[in-house]
């Protein structure tokens, strides 16, 4: 009874009592709307790592004093590009804080991951990538085709590295006579950027006769490849007068020079394969083309010989006038057909005219009847016309304005009028107007 009384007291007191779900929902909304803990980079060491069957990755990050649970959902972790997380790995994770409401636990939702120490560099690369993309430096319309059969290849790489050896080995194995011109440069560390730019500019000299450039280096760590993410080097690739192939060895991330070049390859060896054709393949192509051309010419020669044979054995060849025989016979036949048709039309026309020979008599009869009727109507019309009336002794009175006077009371004494007769007219002045005839 005491417990029931306490509950009733709380309900009747007007207190705002929250449910656990409401509390967790409110905390979740507050945390997810707080910009200070959304879109941040979090650095720590991975432990309790789990790759779930659903494709999600669950782990915790820790430093010297604290830990936090992290979720890396499948849709986001697909962008790892071959990087596999491991316990003990020091990383930088980008994301924001959220709440798992059923348990009331907060966690860090990861959107992307990078190895610790690379975060600032990668952020700078992304900013440069966006800037150059907005300028149109990576536009597909700027890409030029690689020459089908270059005579001289320019190579911008280190003179002592494995890259130049791989390019020479692959190129000479594919086309032994190919010319390879090396512009040595520093590919990592201090001085690498101006050295790479100078090498590319040197190979663009028209006097060297270079057809295509391969610029790059062998594989290395993220820091080793940084020179090929620098703005000056990327612009040197994009501004090259000659077609240029980016050949920077890498396993995960592609350098920005891959986007700026006309083509790219994952390794210097692959770049050589991309640029240099196989001589045996070219020779086979020439042999095939030679065979197809010879076959086509032989077939055409056979066709011409057959036509000459047909012409030489035809009657027209022996008697050229024979070619006119059939057209002449056809013309004579058509002429006879035309004459017969015209005679038939003439006979039918004569028969038709005979059927209408009595029309002249009927026409004259109708003409006489209508002439008499016309004379009668003309006589009647003349009798009823104003001139006919005037000829019978009547006249027409008009005022000075030319209007016909129809009533006596429209006239006034001393008014001038005009009298119209059958022949001629006269002017008169009214002396007196009266209604009766007396």
Protein backbone atom coordinates (compact mmCIF):
# COMPACT_ATOMS: atom_id res chain seq x y z
CA UNK A 1 0.00 0.00 0.00
CA UNK A 2 2.87 2.35 0.75
CA UNK A 3 4.33 1.85 -2.78
CA UNK A 4 0.98 2.47 -4.44
CA UNK A 5 0.57 5.61 -2.41
CA UNK A 6 3.95 6.91 -3.49
CA UNK A 7 3.16 6.24 -7.19
CA UNK A 8 -0.17 8.01 -6.88
CA UNK A 9 1.54 10.94 -5.24
CA UNK A 10 4.03 11.25 -8.13
CA UNK A 11 1.32 11.03 -10.77
CA UNK A 12 -0.79 13.68 -9.09
CA UNK A 13 2.08 16.07 -8.41
CA UNK A 14 2.43 17.18 -12.05
CA UNK A 15 6.08 16.13 -12.35
CA UNK A 16 7.62 15.58 -15.83
CA UNK A 17 8.62 11.92 -15.67
CA UNK A 18 10.78 10.66 -18.61
CA UNK A 19 11.01 7.18 -20.00
CA UNK A 20 14.40 5.60 -20.62
CA UNK A 21 13.75 5.64 -24.39
CA UNK A 22 12.97 9.35 -24.31
CA UNK A 23 16.19 10.03 -22.46
CA UNK A 24 18.31 8.06 -24.94
CA UNK A 25 16.55 9.67 -27.92
CA UNK A 26 17.14 13.14 -26.50
CA UNK A 27 20.81 12.43 -25.80
CA UNK A 28 21.21 11.03 -29.32
CA UNK A 29 19.60 14.11 -30.90
CA UNK A 30 21.78 16.45 -28.81
CA UNK A 31 25.02 14.65 -29.62
CA UNK A 32 24.29 14.30 -33.34
CA UNK A 33 23.35 17.99 -33.65
CA UNK A 34 26.49 19.14 -31.85
CA UNK A 35 28.86 20.22 -34.63
CA UNK A 36 31.87 20.13 -32.31
CA UNK A 37 31.79 16.30 -32.21
CA UNK A 38 30.68 15.71 -35.82
CA UNK A 39 33.08 15.63 -38.77
CA UNK A 40 36.21 15.27 -36.64
CA UNK A 41 39.44 13.25 -36.92
CA UNK A 42 40.03 10.85 -34.03
CA UNK A 43 43.47 9.31 -33.47
CA UNK A 44 44.12 6.17 -31.46
CA UNK A 45 45.21 2.53 -31.39
CA UNK A 46 42.89 -0.24 -32.59
CA UNK A 47 41.86 -3.08 -30.25
CA UNK A 48 38.87 -5.47 -30.00
CA UNK A 49 38.72 -5.49 -33.83
CA UNK A 50 35.89 -7.53 -35.40
CA UNK A 51 35.12 -7.96 -39.12
CA UNK A 52 31.41 -8.93 -39.09
CA UNK A 53 29.75 -11.18 -41.70
CA UNK A 54 27.47 -8.29 -42.64
CA UNK A 55 30.50 -6.35 -43.88
CA UNK A 56 30.51 -3.93 -40.94
CA UNK A 57 33.70 -3.45 -38.90
CA UNK A 58 33.57 -2.96 -35.15
CA UNK A 59 36.57 -1.91 -33.02
CA UNK A 60 37.68 0.34 -30.20
CA UNK A 61 40.23 3.14 -30.20
CA UNK A 62 42.36 3.89 -27.15
CA UNK A 63 45.06 6.25 -26.05
CA UNK A 64 46.98 6.43 -22.76
CA UNK A 65 43.90 7.22 -20.64
CA UNK A 66 40.63 6.42 -22.48
CA UNK A 67 38.82 4.17 -24.96
CA UNK A 68 35.84 4.62 -27.28
CA UNK A 69 33.77 2.13 -29.27
CA UNK A 70 33.75 2.62 -33.05
CA UNK A 71 31.49 1.40 -35.86
CA UNK A 72 32.69 1.35 -39.48
CA UNK A 73 29.68 0.42 -41.58
CA UNK A 74 29.98 -1.50 -44.82
CA UNK A 75 28.97 1.39 -47.07
CA UNK A 76 31.85 3.49 -45.75
CA UNK A 77 34.57 0.84 -45.31
CA UNK A 78 34.40 -0.16 -48.98
CA UNK A 79 36.67 2.83 -49.64
CA UNK A 80 39.63 1.32 -47.78
CA UNK A 81 41.14 0.22 -51.14
CA UNK A 82 43.03 -2.81 -49.83
CA UNK A 83 44.02 -1.45 -46.41
CA UNK A 84 43.11 -4.08 -43.78
CA UNK A 85 42.79 -2.93 -40.19
CA UNK A 86 44.64 -4.83 -37.47
CA UNK A 87 44.77 -4.75 -33.67
CA UNK A 88 47.54 -2.49 -32.48
CA UNK A 89 47.45 -0.34 -35.65
CA UNK A 90 47.67 3.41 -35.02
CA UNK A 91 45.08 5.16 -37.20
CA UNK A 92 43.21 8.41 -37.72
CA UNK A 93 39.45 7.94 -38.12
CA UNK A 94 37.09 10.57 -39.54
CA UNK A 95 33.43 10.65 -38.43
CA UNK A 96 31.10 11.73 -35.64
CA UNK A 97 29.52 10.71 -32.33
CA UNK A 98 26.16 8.91 -32.16
CA UNK A 99 24.13 6.98 -29.55
CA UNK A 100 23.06 3.34 -29.74
CA UNK A 101 19.65 3.95 -28.18
CA UNK A 102 18.67 0.37 -27.13
CA UNK A 103 21.63 0.26 -24.73
CA UNK A 104 22.24 3.94 -24.13
CA UNK A 105 25.86 3.65 -25.28
CA UNK A 106 27.54 6.35 -27.30
CA UNK A 107 29.94 5.41 -30.11
CA UNK A 108 32.04 6.94 -32.86
CA UNK A 109 30.71 6.32 -36.40
CA UNK A 110 33.71 6.11 -38.72
CA UNK A 111 33.39 7.34 -42.32
CA UNK A 112 37.02 6.96 -43.46
CA UNK A 113 40.35 5.81 -42.05
CA UNK A 114 43.97 6.71 -42.66
CA UNK A 115 47.15 5.64 -41.01
CA UNK A 116 48.33 8.00 -38.27
CA UNK A 117 50.91 10.52 -39.45
CA UNK A 118 49.47 10.62 -42.97
CA UNK A 119 46.25 12.43 -42.10
CA UNK A 120 47.46 15.98 -42.60
CA UNK A 121 49.23 15.09 -45.84
CA UNK A 122 46.19 13.27 -47.20
CA UNK A 123 43.95 16.21 -46.32
CA UNK A 124 46.28 18.55 -48.21
CA UNK A 125 46.27 16.18 -51.20
CA UNK A 126 42.46 16.07 -51.23
CA UNK A 127 42.28 19.86 -51.16
CA UNK A 128 44.76 20.11 -54.05
CA UNK A 129 42.87 17.43 -55.95
CA UNK A 130 39.61 19.40 -55.65
CA UNK A 131 41.32 22.64 -56.68
CA UNK A 132 42.90 21.15 -59.82
CA UNK A 133 39.72 19.28 -60.69
CA UNK A 134 37.74 22.52 -60.53
CA UNK A 135 40.30 24.08 -62.89
CA UNK A 136 39.62 21.27 -65.39
CA UNK A 137 43.18 19.96 -65.16
CA UNK A 138 41.94 16.36 -65.02
CA UNK A 139 39.28 16.74 -67.74
CA UNK A 140 39.00 13.69 -70.05
CA UNK A 141 38.80 16.05 -73.05
CA UNK A 142 42.45 17.03 -72.45
CA UNK A 143 43.74 13.47 -72.72
CA UNK A 144 45.75 12.70 -75.86
CA UNK A 145 46.20 9.27 -77.44
CA UNK A 146 49.48 7.45 -76.98
CA UNK A 147 51.37 7.09 -80.31
CA UNK A 148 50.87 3.69 -81.93
CA UNK A 149 54.54 3.16 -82.74
CA UNK A 150 56.85 5.65 -81.02
CA UNK A 151 60.43 5.74 -82.29
CA UNK A 152 61.88 7.45 -79.20
CA UNK A 153 60.66 7.18 -75.61
CA UNK A 154 61.61 9.83 -73.07
CA UNK A 155 61.91 8.61 -69.48
CA UNK A 156 61.94 10.94 -66.44
CA UNK A 157 63.05 8.91 -63.40
CA UNK A 158 66.06 8.18 -61.22
CA UNK A 159 69.10 6.98 -63.16
CA UNK A 160 70.03 4.39 -60.52
CA UNK A 161 66.61 3.07 -59.59
CA UNK A 162 64.90 -0.12 -60.63
CA UNK A 163 62.30 1.82 -62.65
CA UNK A 164 64.64 2.71 -65.54
CA UNK A 165 66.01 -0.84 -65.64
CA UNK A 166 62.47 -2.27 -65.82
CA UNK A 167 61.50 0.16 -68.59
CA UNK A 168 64.61 -0.66 -70.66
CA UNK A 169 64.18 -4.40 -70.14
CA UNK A 170 60.49 -4.50 -71.08
CA UNK A 171 60.83 -2.05 -73.97
CA UNK A 172 63.79 -3.81 -75.60
CA UNK A 173 62.14 -7.22 -75.16
CA UNK A 174 59.09 -5.95 -77.03
CA UNK A 175 60.83 -3.82 -79.68
CA UNK A 176 64.64 -4.12 -79.65
CA UNK A 177 65.22 -1.12 -81.95
CA UNK A 178 63.30 1.36 -79.77
CA UNK A 179 65.22 4.48 -78.71
CA UNK A 180 65.13 5.31 -74.98
CA UNK A 181 66.22 8.76 -73.81
CA UNK A 182 66.67 9.20 -70.04
CA UNK A 183 66.28 12.54 -68.26
CA UNK A 184 67.56 11.62 -64.76
CA UNK A 185 65.87 13.24 -61.80
CA UNK A 186 65.46 12.93 -58.05
CA UNK A 187 62.16 11.15 -57.29
CA UNK A 188 61.86 11.53 -53.51
CA UNK A 189 63.05 13.72 -50.70
CA UNK A 190 64.49 17.20 -50.87
CA UNK A 191 64.80 18.62 -54.37
CA UNK A 192 62.56 16.00 -55.96
CA UNK A 193 59.85 18.43 -57.11
CA UNK A 194 62.03 20.84 -59.19
CA UNK A 195 64.10 17.90 -60.46
CA UNK A 196 61.03 16.03 -61.83
CA UNK A 197 59.60 19.22 -63.38
CA UNK A 198 62.95 20.02 -65.07
CA UNK A 199 63.23 16.48 -66.47
CA UNK A 200 59.74 16.60 -68.02
CA UNK A 201 60.40 20.04 -69.52
CA UNK A 202 63.72 18.86 -70.94
CA UNK A 203 62.13 15.86 -72.69
CA UNK A 204 59.56 18.19 -74.28
CA UNK A 205 62.35 19.87 -76.29
CA UNK A 206 61.36 19.34 -79.98
CA UNK A 207 65.02 18.95 -81.00
CA UNK A 208 65.24 15.65 -79.09
CA UNK A 209 62.61 13.96 -81.26
CA UNK A 210 60.80 12.32 -78.33
CA UNK A 211 57.38 10.85 -79.21
CA UNK A 212 56.05 9.98 -75.74
CA UNK A 213 57.20 10.41 -72.13
CA UNK A 214 57.13 7.96 -69.23
CA UNK A 215 57.56 9.76 -65.90
CA UNK A 216 57.53 8.07 -62.51
CA UNK A 217 59.34 5.75 -60.16
CA UNK A 218 59.11 2.33 -58.55
CA UNK A 219 57.04 1.50 -55.49
CA UNK A 220 57.52 3.07 -52.08
CA UNK A 221 55.78 4.25 -48.94
CA UNK A 222 53.20 7.00 -48.86
CA UNK A 223 55.84 9.55 -47.89
CA UNK A 224 58.21 8.32 -50.64
CA UNK A 225 55.59 9.04 -53.30
CA UNK A 226 54.67 12.53 -52.03
CA UNK A 227 56.63 14.31 -54.77
CA UNK A 228 54.08 13.02 -57.31
CA UNK A 229 51.28 14.69 -55.34
CA UNK A 230 52.89 18.14 -55.36
CA UNK A 231 51.16 20.85 -57.40
CA UNK A 232 54.23 21.78 -59.50
CA UNK A 233 54.78 18.17 -60.57
CA UNK A 234 51.09 17.58 -61.31
CA UNK A 235 50.95 20.71 -63.46
CA UNK A 236 54.13 19.64 -65.28
CA UNK A 237 52.38 16.40 -66.26
CA UNK A 238 49.25 18.25 -67.38
CA UNK A 239 51.16 20.91 -69.35
CA UNK A 240 53.43 18.49 -71.20
CA UNK A 241 53.52 19.18 -74.94
CA UNK A 242 54.02 15.49 -75.61
CA UNK A 243 51.73 12.64 -74.49
CA UNK A 244 52.85 11.55 -71.04
CA UNK A 245 52.29 8.35 -69.07
CA UNK A 246 52.34 8.39 -65.26
CA UNK A 247 54.21 5.32 -63.95
CA UNK A 248 54.35 5.56 -60.18
CA UNK A 249 54.46 2.20 -58.43
CA UNK A 250 51.77 2.01 -55.74
CA UNK A 251 49.51 -0.55 -54.13
CA UNK A 252 46.69 1.46 -52.56
CA UNK A 253 46.52 5.18 -53.33
CA UNK A 254 47.01 6.64 -56.78
CA UNK A 255 49.09 9.86 -56.95
CA UNK A 256 47.58 12.98 -58.52
CA UNK A 257 49.95 12.63 -61.49
CA UNK A 258 47.87 9.62 -62.59
CA UNK A 259 44.90 11.98 -63.01
CA UNK A 260 46.90 14.69 -64.81
CA UNK A 261 48.71 12.41 -67.29
CA UNK A 262 47.30 11.29 -70.64
CA UNK A 263 47.54 7.68 -69.39
CA UNK A 264 48.77 5.90 -66.30
CA UNK A 265 50.14 2.51 -65.31
CA UNK A 266 50.54 0.92 -61.86
CA UNK A 267 54.27 0.27 -62.41
CA UNK A 268 57.07 1.43 -64.74
CA UNK A 269 57.07 -2.03 -66.36
CA UNK A 270 53.36 -1.75 -67.10
CA UNK A 271 53.97 1.72 -68.56
CA UNK A 272 56.56 0.29 -70.96
CA UNK A 273 54.06 -2.36 -72.02
CA UNK A 274 51.46 0.35 -72.56
CA UNK A 275 53.74 2.47 -74.73
CA UNK A 276 55.91 0.00 -76.68
CA UNK A 277 54.22 -2.45 -79.08
CA UNK A 278 55.53 -5.99 -79.62
CA UNK A 279 57.54 -6.12 -82.82
CA UNK A 280 56.42 -9.68 -83.60
CA UNK A 281 52.80 -8.57 -83.33
CA UNK A 282 53.43 -5.70 -85.73
CA UNK A 283 55.16 -8.01 -88.18
CA UNK A 284 52.24 -10.41 -87.95
CA UNK A 285 49.84 -7.55 -88.59
CA UNK A 286 51.85 -6.54 -91.67
CA UNK A 287 51.91 -10.13 -92.92
CA UNK A 288 48.16 -10.39 -92.45
CA UNK A 289 47.62 -7.08 -94.23
CA UNK A 290 49.92 -8.19 -97.07
CA UNK A 291 48.00 -11.45 -97.41
CA UNK A 292 44.62 -9.71 -97.41
CA UNK A 293 45.83 -7.17 -99.96
CA UNK A 294 47.27 -9.85 -102.25
CA UNK A 295 44.05 -11.87 -101.98
CA UNK A 296 41.94 -8.83 -102.78
CA UNK A 297 44.08 -7.93 -105.81
CA UNK A 298 44.03 -11.53 -107.07
CA UNK A 299 40.25 -11.68 -106.77
CA UNK A 300 39.88 -8.39 -108.59
CA UNK A 301 42.22 -9.59 -111.33
CA UNK A 302 40.12 -12.75 -111.74
CA UNK A 303 36.94 -10.69 -111.94
CA UNK A 304 38.43 -8.43 -114.64
CA UNK A 305 39.64 -11.43 -116.65
CA UNK A 306 36.18 -13.00 -116.50
CA UNK A 307 34.57 -9.80 -117.72
CA UNK A 308 37.06 -9.50 -120.58
CA UNK A 309 36.38 -13.16 -121.47
CA UNK A 310 32.63 -12.59 -121.53
CA UNK A 311 32.97 -9.49 -123.69
CA UNK A 312 35.40 -11.11 -126.14
CA UNK A 313 33.06 -14.08 -126.74
CA UNK A 314 29.85 -12.08 -127.07
CA UNK A 315 28.14 -11.35 -130.40
CA UNK A 316 28.43 -7.63 -129.79
CA UNK A 317 32.19 -7.87 -129.73
CA UNK A 318 32.14 -9.49 -133.22
CA UNK A 319 29.37 -7.28 -134.62
CA UNK A 320 28.96 -4.01 -132.69
CA UNK A 321 25.84 -3.11 -134.70
CA UNK A 322 24.09 -6.10 -133.16
CA UNK A 323 23.68 -4.12 -129.98
CA UNK A 324 21.11 -1.98 -131.86
CA UNK A 325 19.10 -4.90 -133.19
CA UNK A 326 16.83 -5.53 -130.27
CA UNK A 327 16.11 -1.84 -129.52
CA UNK A 328 15.24 -1.31 -133.20
CA UNK A 329 12.85 -4.25 -133.23
CA UNK A 330 11.27 -3.04 -130.00
CA UNK A 331 10.83 0.46 -131.49
CA UNK A 332 9.15 -0.94 -134.63
CA UNK A 333 6.76 -3.00 -132.51
CA UNK A 334 5.85 0.01 -130.39
CA UNK A 335 5.27 2.10 -133.53
CA UNK A 336 2.84 -0.49 -134.93
CA UNK A 337 1.06 -0.66 -131.59
CA UNK A 338 0.73 3.14 -131.59
CA UNK A 339 -0.70 3.24 -135.14
CA UNK A 340 -3.25 0.53 -134.34
CA UNK A 341 -4.29 2.36 -131.18
CA UNK A 342 -4.68 5.68 -133.00
CA UNK A 343 -6.83 4.07 -135.74
CA UNK A 344 -9.07 2.52 -133.09
CA UNK A 345 -9.47 5.88 -131.37
CA UNK A 346 -10.29 7.58 -134.69
CA UNK A 347 -13.02 5.06 -135.50
CA UNK A 348 -14.56 5.37 -132.06
CA UNK A 349 -14.53 9.17 -132.34
CA UNK A 350 -16.36 9.08 -135.70
CA UNK A 351 -19.01 6.81 -134.27
CA UNK A 352 -19.49 9.15 -131.39
CA UNK A 353 -19.89 12.14 -133.68
CA UNK A 354 -22.55 10.30 -135.69
CA UNK A 355 -24.62 9.84 -132.54
CA UNK A 356 -24.64 13.64 -132.05
CA UNK A 357 -25.31 14.74 -135.70
CA UNK A 358 -28.92 15.82 -134.88
CA UNK A 359 -27.70 18.26 -132.26
CA UNK A 360 -27.52 21.15 -134.76
CA UNK A 361 -31.27 20.86 -135.55
CA UNK A 362 -32.12 20.72 -131.86
CA UNK A 363 -29.85 23.69 -131.18
CA UNK A 364 -31.52 25.84 -133.87
CA UNK A 365 -34.98 24.93 -132.59
CA UNK A 366 -34.10 25.90 -129.02
CA UNK A 367 -32.45 29.09 -130.23
CA UNK A 368 -35.61 30.19 -132.07
CA UNK A 369 -37.79 29.43 -129.05
CA UNK A 370 -35.61 31.41 -126.69
CA UNK A 371 -35.33 34.31 -129.20
CA UNK A 372 -39.10 34.69 -129.31
CA UNK A 373 -39.32 34.58 -125.53
CA UNK A 374 -36.57 37.18 -125.29
CA UNK A 375 -38.41 39.55 -127.65
CA UNK A 376 -41.61 39.23 -125.61
CA UNK A 377 -39.81 39.89 -122.33
CA UNK A 378 -37.96 42.86 -123.84
CA UNK A 379 -41.27 44.37 -124.96
CA UNK A 380 -42.78 43.93 -121.51
CA UNK A 381 -39.70 45.39 -119.88
CA UNK A 382 -39.84 48.40 -122.15
CA UNK A 383 -43.49 48.99 -121.23
CA UNK A 384 -42.75 48.94 -117.53
CA UNK A 385 -39.53 50.96 -117.70
CA UNK A 386 -39.50 54.69 -116.73
CA UNK A 387 -38.63 55.65 -120.34
CA UNK A 388 -41.62 53.71 -121.59
CA UNK A 389 -43.85 55.59 -119.17
CA UNK A 390 -42.40 58.92 -120.30
CA UNK A 391 -43.01 58.01 -123.93
CA UNK A 392 -46.72 57.57 -123.15
CA UNK A 393 -46.95 61.31 -122.22
CA UNK A 394 -45.87 61.34 -118.59
CA UNK A 395 -43.04 63.40 -117.04
CA UNK A 396 -40.93 63.24 -113.85
CA UNK A 397 -40.54 66.17 -111.43
CA UNK A 398 -37.23 66.58 -109.50
CA UNK A 399 -36.12 69.26 -107.07
CA UNK A 400 -32.88 71.18 -107.34
CA UNK A 401 -31.06 68.40 -105.48
CA UNK A 402 -32.10 65.81 -108.07
CA UNK A 403 -34.64 64.05 -105.80
CA UNK A 404 -37.92 62.86 -107.41
CA UNK A 405 -40.97 64.77 -106.11
CA UNK A 406 -43.60 62.17 -105.21
CA UNK A 407 -46.15 64.33 -103.24
CA UNK A 408 -47.64 67.70 -104.03
CA UNK A 409 -47.36 68.93 -100.45
CA UNK A 410 -43.54 68.60 -100.63
CA UNK A 411 -43.54 71.54 -103.08
CA UNK A 412 -43.62 75.18 -102.10
CA UNK A 413 -44.56 78.29 -104.08
CA UNK A 414 -41.69 79.96 -105.91
CA UNK A 415 -39.66 76.69 -105.76
CA UNK A 416 -37.65 75.73 -108.83
CA UNK A 417 -38.07 72.20 -110.17
CA UNK A 418 -36.79 70.14 -113.10
CA UNK A 419 -39.14 68.33 -115.51
CA UNK A 420 -37.94 65.18 -117.28
CA UNK A 421 -39.64 64.07 -120.52
CA UNK A 422 -39.09 61.11 -122.82
CA UNK A 423 -36.86 63.36 -124.84
CA UNK A 424 -35.25 66.30 -123.05
CA UNK A 425 -35.94 68.20 -119.82
CA UNK A 426 -37.07 71.66 -118.67
CA UNK A 427 -36.92 73.94 -115.61
CA UNK A 428 -40.04 75.48 -114.05
CA UNK A 429 -41.08 77.57 -110.99
CA UNK A 430 -44.05 76.63 -108.80
CA UNK A 431 -46.67 79.39 -108.56
CA UNK A 432 -49.35 77.63 -106.56
CA UNK A 433 -49.79 74.29 -104.74
CA UNK A 434 -53.32 72.87 -104.21
CA UNK A 435 -54.70 69.43 -103.35
CA UNK A 436 -57.63 69.10 -105.74
CA UNK A 437 -57.63 69.20 -109.54
CA UNK A 438 -60.17 72.09 -109.87
